[in-house]
């Protein structure tokens, strides 16, 4: 008895289209330095964060991490813009997919959550 290929093709297509091929997820800490709507055909909000490094994510060890925030101006985009405009240190939660569709974004990494860290108290100098 021969089984039809259609169910297998449908399941595989659904997995590819929904981004269930997550290859990396976690958190990164730093300062957001870019939030912009990019794309020639489908515009998505893209961002860049300078990771770790010395004080205020500067110095020789600061590295850039590029990510996608989504297609629409959501609360996540507004949080990222606020953090960037106010030079706030943040922790982002993200996941990276092995496969993405052209309208998903410029990167394969997508931010799920942005947590603003409290400002540091100045050190007492006596």
N, C-alpha and C. Protein backbone atom coordinates (compact mmCIF):
# COMPACT_ATOMS: atom_id res chain seq x y z
N UNK A 1 0.84 -1.18 0.00
CA UNK A 1 0.00 0.00 0.00
C UNK A 1 0.89 1.25 0.00
N UNK A 2 0.71 2.11 -0.97
CA UNK A 2 1.52 3.29 -1.13
C UNK A 2 0.89 4.47 -0.38
N UNK A 3 1.70 5.14 0.45
CA UNK A 3 1.20 6.29 1.19
C UNK A 3 1.43 7.55 0.36
N UNK A 4 0.46 8.45 0.35
CA UNK A 4 0.64 9.68 -0.43
C UNK A 4 1.71 10.58 0.18
N UNK A 5 2.39 11.31 -0.67
CA UNK A 5 3.43 12.22 -0.23
C UNK A 5 2.88 13.56 0.25
N UNK A 6 1.63 13.84 -0.06
CA UNK A 6 1.05 15.13 0.29
C UNK A 6 1.12 15.45 1.78
N UNK A 7 0.76 14.53 2.69
CA UNK A 7 0.87 14.87 4.13
C UNK A 7 2.31 15.19 4.56
N UNK A 8 3.27 14.44 4.03
CA UNK A 8 4.67 14.69 4.37
C UNK A 8 5.12 16.06 3.86
N UNK A 9 4.71 16.41 2.66
CA UNK A 9 5.05 17.71 2.09
C UNK A 9 4.40 18.83 2.90
N UNK A 10 3.15 18.65 3.30
CA UNK A 10 2.45 19.67 4.09
C UNK A 10 3.10 19.88 5.45
N UNK A 11 3.46 18.80 6.12
CA UNK A 11 4.10 18.92 7.44
C UNK A 11 5.46 19.61 7.32
N UNK A 12 6.23 19.22 6.34
CA UNK A 12 7.54 19.84 6.12
C UNK A 12 7.40 21.32 5.78
N UNK A 13 6.46 21.66 4.93
CA UNK A 13 6.22 23.06 4.56
C UNK A 13 5.81 23.88 5.76
N UNK A 14 4.92 23.34 6.58
CA UNK A 14 4.47 24.06 7.78
C UNK A 14 5.64 24.32 8.73
N UNK A 15 6.50 23.35 8.91
CA UNK A 15 7.66 23.53 9.79
C UNK A 15 8.57 24.62 9.26
N UNK A 16 8.82 24.63 7.96
CA UNK A 16 9.69 25.65 7.38
C UNK A 16 9.06 27.04 7.45
N UNK A 17 7.77 27.11 7.23
CA UNK A 17 7.09 28.41 7.21
C UNK A 17 6.90 29.00 8.60
N UNK A 18 6.79 28.18 9.62
CA UNK A 18 6.54 28.70 10.96
C UNK A 18 7.81 28.95 11.74
N UNK A 19 8.95 28.63 11.19
CA UNK A 19 10.22 28.92 11.87
C UNK A 19 10.49 28.01 13.04
N UNK A 20 10.07 26.76 12.95
CA UNK A 20 10.29 25.84 14.08
C UNK A 20 11.67 25.21 14.04
N UNK A 21 12.55 25.74 13.23
CA UNK A 21 13.91 25.23 13.14
C UNK A 21 14.86 26.14 13.91
N UNK A 22 14.53 26.40 15.16
CA UNK A 22 15.37 27.27 15.99
C UNK A 22 16.69 26.57 16.28
N UNK A 23 17.78 27.25 15.96
CA UNK A 23 19.11 26.67 16.16
C UNK A 23 19.87 27.31 17.31
N UNK A 24 19.37 28.46 17.78
CA UNK A 24 20.03 29.13 18.89
C UNK A 24 19.01 30.00 19.60
N UNK A 25 19.07 30.02 20.93
CA UNK A 25 18.26 30.97 21.67
C UNK A 25 18.96 31.29 22.98
N UNK A 26 18.70 32.49 23.48
CA UNK A 26 19.35 32.89 24.71
C UNK A 26 19.14 34.36 24.98
N UNK A 27 20.08 34.94 25.71
CA UNK A 27 20.02 36.35 26.08
C UNK A 27 21.36 37.00 25.79
N UNK A 28 21.31 38.28 25.49
CA UNK A 28 22.52 39.07 25.29
C UNK A 28 22.32 40.41 26.01
N UNK A 29 23.42 40.97 26.49
CA UNK A 29 23.39 42.21 27.24
C UNK A 29 24.21 43.26 26.53
N UNK A 30 23.71 44.48 26.51
CA UNK A 30 24.46 45.56 25.89
C UNK A 30 23.61 46.80 25.73
N UNK A 31 24.00 47.64 24.77
CA UNK A 31 23.30 48.90 24.50
C UNK A 31 22.85 48.90 23.04
N UNK A 32 21.56 49.16 22.84
CA UNK A 32 21.02 49.21 21.48
C UNK A 32 21.48 50.50 20.82
N UNK A 33 22.08 50.36 19.64
CA UNK A 33 22.61 51.53 18.93
C UNK A 33 21.89 51.79 17.61
N UNK A 34 20.99 50.90 17.21
CA UNK A 34 20.27 51.11 15.95
C UNK A 34 18.92 50.45 15.99
N UNK A 35 17.89 51.19 15.57
CA UNK A 35 16.55 50.65 15.31
C UNK A 35 16.09 51.33 14.03
N UNK A 36 15.81 50.55 13.00
CA UNK A 36 15.43 51.14 11.72
C UNK A 36 14.51 50.20 10.96
N UNK A 37 13.62 50.79 10.18
CA UNK A 37 12.78 49.98 9.29
C UNK A 37 13.55 49.82 7.99
N UNK A 38 13.81 48.57 7.62
CA UNK A 38 14.61 48.29 6.44
C UNK A 38 13.89 47.29 5.55
N UNK A 39 14.32 47.25 4.31
CA UNK A 39 13.79 46.28 3.36
C UNK A 39 13.23 46.95 2.14
N UNK A 40 13.51 46.37 0.98
CA UNK A 40 13.06 46.98 -0.26
C UNK A 40 11.62 46.60 -0.59
N UNK A 41 11.25 45.36 -0.35
CA UNK A 41 9.90 44.92 -0.68
C UNK A 41 9.02 44.82 0.56
N UNK A 42 9.51 44.13 1.58
CA UNK A 42 8.79 44.01 2.85
C UNK A 42 9.64 44.69 3.92
N UNK A 43 9.13 45.74 4.50
CA UNK A 43 9.89 46.45 5.51
C UNK A 43 9.78 45.77 6.87
N UNK A 44 10.90 45.58 7.51
CA UNK A 44 10.93 45.03 8.87
C UNK A 44 11.79 45.93 9.73
N UNK A 45 11.50 45.93 11.02
CA UNK A 45 12.31 46.70 11.96
C UNK A 45 13.53 45.88 12.36
N UNK A 46 14.70 46.46 12.11
CA UNK A 46 15.97 45.80 12.38
C UNK A 46 16.71 46.58 13.46
N UNK A 47 17.52 45.88 14.22
CA UNK A 47 18.26 46.53 15.28
C UNK A 47 19.68 46.02 15.40
N UNK A 48 20.45 46.77 16.17
CA UNK A 48 21.85 46.40 16.44
C UNK A 48 22.13 46.74 17.90
N UNK A 49 22.80 45.82 18.57
CA UNK A 49 23.18 46.03 19.96
C UNK A 49 24.69 45.84 20.06
N UNK A 50 25.33 46.71 20.84
CA UNK A 50 26.76 46.54 21.13
C UNK A 50 26.83 45.74 22.43
N UNK A 51 27.44 44.59 22.35
CA UNK A 51 27.45 43.65 23.47
C UNK A 51 28.56 43.93 24.46
N UNK A 52 28.26 43.68 25.71
CA UNK A 52 29.25 43.64 26.78
C UNK A 52 30.31 44.69 26.68
N UNK A 53 31.54 44.26 26.67
CA UNK A 53 32.64 45.19 26.61
C UNK A 53 32.92 45.81 27.95
N UNK A 54 33.62 46.91 27.93
CA UNK A 54 33.94 47.63 29.14
C UNK A 54 32.75 48.48 29.56
N UNK A 55 32.93 49.44 30.40
CA UNK A 55 31.84 50.28 30.90
C UNK A 55 30.98 50.82 29.75
N UNK A 56 29.66 50.68 29.88
CA UNK A 56 28.68 51.15 28.90
C UNK A 56 28.86 50.51 27.53
N UNK A 57 29.29 49.27 27.49
CA UNK A 57 29.43 48.51 26.25
C UNK A 57 30.36 49.19 25.26
N UNK A 58 31.42 49.80 25.76
CA UNK A 58 32.40 50.42 24.87
C UNK A 58 33.72 49.69 25.03
N UNK A 59 34.66 50.05 24.25
CA UNK A 59 35.99 49.47 24.40
C UNK A 59 36.27 48.40 23.37
N UNK A 60 37.41 47.78 23.53
CA UNK A 60 37.88 46.84 22.53
C UNK A 60 37.07 45.56 22.48
N UNK A 61 36.40 45.21 23.55
CA UNK A 61 35.69 43.93 23.55
C UNK A 61 34.23 44.06 23.15
N UNK A 62 33.73 45.26 22.86
CA UNK A 62 32.35 45.43 22.42
C UNK A 62 32.17 44.87 21.02
N UNK A 63 31.15 44.02 20.83
CA UNK A 63 30.86 43.44 19.51
C UNK A 63 29.41 43.74 19.15
N UNK A 64 29.13 43.81 17.87
CA UNK A 64 27.78 44.09 17.40
C UNK A 64 27.00 42.79 17.21
N UNK A 65 25.71 42.83 17.53
CA UNK A 65 24.79 41.73 17.28
C UNK A 65 23.59 42.34 16.56
N UNK A 66 23.26 41.79 15.40
CA UNK A 66 22.17 42.31 14.58
C UNK A 66 20.95 41.41 14.77
N UNK A 67 19.76 42.03 14.82
CA UNK A 67 18.54 41.27 15.08
C UNK A 67 17.35 41.91 14.39
N UNK A 68 16.27 41.15 14.30
CA UNK A 68 15.02 41.61 13.72
C UNK A 68 13.99 41.75 14.83
N UNK A 69 13.23 42.85 14.79
CA UNK A 69 12.19 43.10 15.78
C UNK A 69 10.79 42.76 15.25
N UNK A 70 10.61 42.70 13.96
CA UNK A 70 9.31 42.36 13.37
C UNK A 70 8.93 43.33 12.28
N UNK A 71 7.75 43.07 11.70
CA UNK A 71 7.31 43.85 10.55
C UNK A 71 6.56 45.12 10.95
N UNK A 72 5.96 45.12 12.12
CA UNK A 72 5.12 46.24 12.51
C UNK A 72 5.70 46.97 13.72
N UNK A 73 5.29 48.22 13.90
CA UNK A 73 5.78 49.02 15.03
C UNK A 73 5.06 48.56 16.30
N UNK A 74 5.56 47.52 16.91
CA UNK A 74 4.98 46.93 18.10
C UNK A 74 5.55 47.57 19.35
N UNK A 75 5.08 47.12 20.52
CA UNK A 75 5.63 47.59 21.79
C UNK A 75 7.12 47.25 21.90
N UNK A 76 7.52 46.13 21.30
CA UNK A 76 8.93 45.74 21.31
C UNK A 76 9.79 46.77 20.57
N UNK A 77 9.30 47.25 19.44
CA UNK A 77 10.02 48.28 18.68
C UNK A 77 10.09 49.56 19.49
N UNK A 78 8.99 49.93 20.14
CA UNK A 78 8.97 51.15 20.96
C UNK A 78 9.94 51.04 22.13
N UNK A 79 10.02 49.85 22.76
CA UNK A 79 10.97 49.64 23.85
C UNK A 79 12.40 49.80 23.35
N UNK A 80 12.69 49.21 22.19
CA UNK A 80 14.04 49.30 21.62
C UNK A 80 14.40 50.75 21.29
N UNK A 81 13.45 51.49 20.73
CA UNK A 81 13.71 52.90 20.42
C UNK A 81 13.96 53.71 21.69
N UNK A 82 13.16 53.46 22.74
CA UNK A 82 13.35 54.17 24.01
C UNK A 82 14.73 53.87 24.59
N UNK A 83 15.11 52.59 24.60
CA UNK A 83 16.42 52.19 25.14
C UNK A 83 17.55 52.85 24.35
N UNK A 84 17.41 52.90 23.03
CA UNK A 84 18.45 53.50 22.20
C UNK A 84 18.53 55.01 22.44
N UNK A 85 17.40 55.68 22.45
CA UNK A 85 17.39 57.13 22.60
C UNK A 85 17.88 57.58 23.97
N UNK A 86 17.74 56.72 24.98
CA UNK A 86 18.14 57.07 26.34
C UNK A 86 19.41 56.36 26.79
N UNK A 87 20.09 55.70 25.85
CA UNK A 87 21.36 55.03 26.13
C UNK A 87 21.27 54.08 27.32
N UNK A 88 20.20 53.27 27.33
CA UNK A 88 19.95 52.33 28.43
C UNK A 88 20.61 50.99 28.16
N UNK A 89 21.15 50.40 29.21
CA UNK A 89 21.70 49.05 29.13
C UNK A 89 20.52 48.08 29.18
N UNK A 90 20.49 47.10 28.28
CA UNK A 90 19.37 46.17 28.19
C UNK A 90 19.85 44.73 28.15
N UNK A 91 18.93 43.83 28.44
CA UNK A 91 19.13 42.40 28.20
C UNK A 91 18.04 42.00 27.22
N UNK A 92 18.44 41.44 26.08
CA UNK A 92 17.45 40.98 25.10
C UNK A 92 17.37 39.46 25.13
N UNK A 93 16.17 38.95 24.97
CA UNK A 93 15.95 37.51 24.79
C UNK A 93 15.70 37.31 23.30
N UNK A 94 16.34 36.32 22.71
CA UNK A 94 16.26 36.15 21.27
C UNK A 94 16.28 34.66 20.89
N UNK A 95 15.95 34.41 19.63
CA UNK A 95 16.14 33.07 19.05
C UNK A 95 16.55 33.26 17.59
N UNK A 96 17.37 32.35 17.10
CA UNK A 96 17.82 32.37 15.71
C UNK A 96 17.30 31.12 15.02
N UNK A 97 16.75 31.30 13.84
CA UNK A 97 16.20 30.19 13.06
C UNK A 97 17.15 29.80 11.94
N UNK A 98 17.14 28.53 11.60
CA UNK A 98 17.98 28.03 10.51
C UNK A 98 17.47 28.52 9.16
N UNK A 99 16.15 28.60 9.02
CA UNK A 99 15.54 29.01 7.76
C UNK A 99 14.57 30.15 8.03
N UNK A 100 14.58 31.15 7.19
CA UNK A 100 13.61 32.24 7.28
C UNK A 100 13.08 32.55 5.90
N UNK A 101 11.92 33.15 5.87
CA UNK A 101 11.33 33.57 4.60
C UNK A 101 11.78 34.99 4.30
N UNK A 102 11.75 35.40 3.03
CA UNK A 102 12.26 36.72 2.66
C UNK A 102 11.59 37.87 3.41
N UNK A 103 10.34 37.74 3.75
CA UNK A 103 9.64 38.81 4.44
C UNK A 103 9.78 38.74 5.96
N UNK A 104 10.51 37.76 6.48
CA UNK A 104 10.70 37.62 7.92
C UNK A 104 11.63 38.67 8.50
N UNK A 105 12.61 39.11 7.72
CA UNK A 105 13.55 40.10 8.22
C UNK A 105 14.90 39.97 7.55
N UNK A 106 15.78 40.91 7.86
CA UNK A 106 17.11 40.94 7.28
C UNK A 106 18.05 39.92 7.94
N UNK A 107 17.73 39.52 9.17
CA UNK A 107 18.57 38.57 9.89
C UNK A 107 17.79 37.30 10.17
N UNK A 108 18.48 36.32 10.71
CA UNK A 108 17.82 35.08 11.14
C UNK A 108 17.58 35.07 12.64
N UNK A 109 17.94 36.17 13.32
CA UNK A 109 17.78 36.28 14.77
C UNK A 109 16.66 37.24 15.10
N UNK A 110 15.74 36.81 15.97
CA UNK A 110 14.55 37.57 16.30
C UNK A 110 14.49 37.81 17.81
N UNK A 111 14.24 39.06 18.20
CA UNK A 111 14.14 39.41 19.61
C UNK A 111 12.71 39.17 20.08
N UNK A 112 12.58 38.49 21.24
CA UNK A 112 11.28 38.20 21.83
C UNK A 112 10.93 39.17 22.95
N UNK A 113 11.97 39.65 23.66
CA UNK A 113 11.76 40.44 24.87
C UNK A 113 12.95 41.36 25.09
N UNK A 114 12.67 42.56 25.61
CA UNK A 114 13.72 43.51 25.97
C UNK A 114 13.51 43.90 27.42
N UNK A 115 14.56 43.73 28.22
CA UNK A 115 14.50 44.09 29.64
C UNK A 115 15.49 45.23 29.88
N UNK A 116 14.97 46.40 30.29
CA UNK A 116 15.84 47.53 30.61
C UNK A 116 16.42 47.35 31.99
N UNK A 117 17.73 47.46 32.09
CA UNK A 117 18.40 47.34 33.38
C UNK A 117 18.38 48.68 34.10
N UNK A 118 18.28 48.67 35.42
CA UNK A 118 18.29 49.93 36.17
C UNK A 118 19.63 50.63 36.04
N UNK A 119 19.59 51.96 36.10
CA UNK A 119 20.82 52.75 36.05
C UNK A 119 21.69 52.44 37.26
N UNK A 120 23.00 52.45 37.05
CA UNK A 120 23.93 52.20 38.15
C UNK A 120 24.04 53.43 39.03
N UNK A 121 24.15 53.18 40.32
CA UNK A 121 24.37 54.27 41.27
C UNK A 121 25.81 54.74 41.14
N UNK A 122 26.06 56.05 41.19
CA UNK A 122 27.44 56.51 41.14
C UNK A 122 28.19 56.06 42.38
N UNK A 123 29.44 55.71 42.21
CA UNK A 123 30.26 55.25 43.33
C UNK A 123 30.53 56.41 44.28
N UNK A 124 30.44 56.15 45.58
CA UNK A 124 30.74 57.17 46.58
C UNK A 124 32.23 57.41 46.64
N UNK A 125 32.60 58.65 46.52
CA UNK A 125 34.02 59.01 46.62
C UNK A 125 34.21 59.86 47.86
N UNK A 126 34.85 59.30 48.82
CA UNK A 126 35.08 60.02 50.09
C UNK A 126 36.54 60.15 50.35
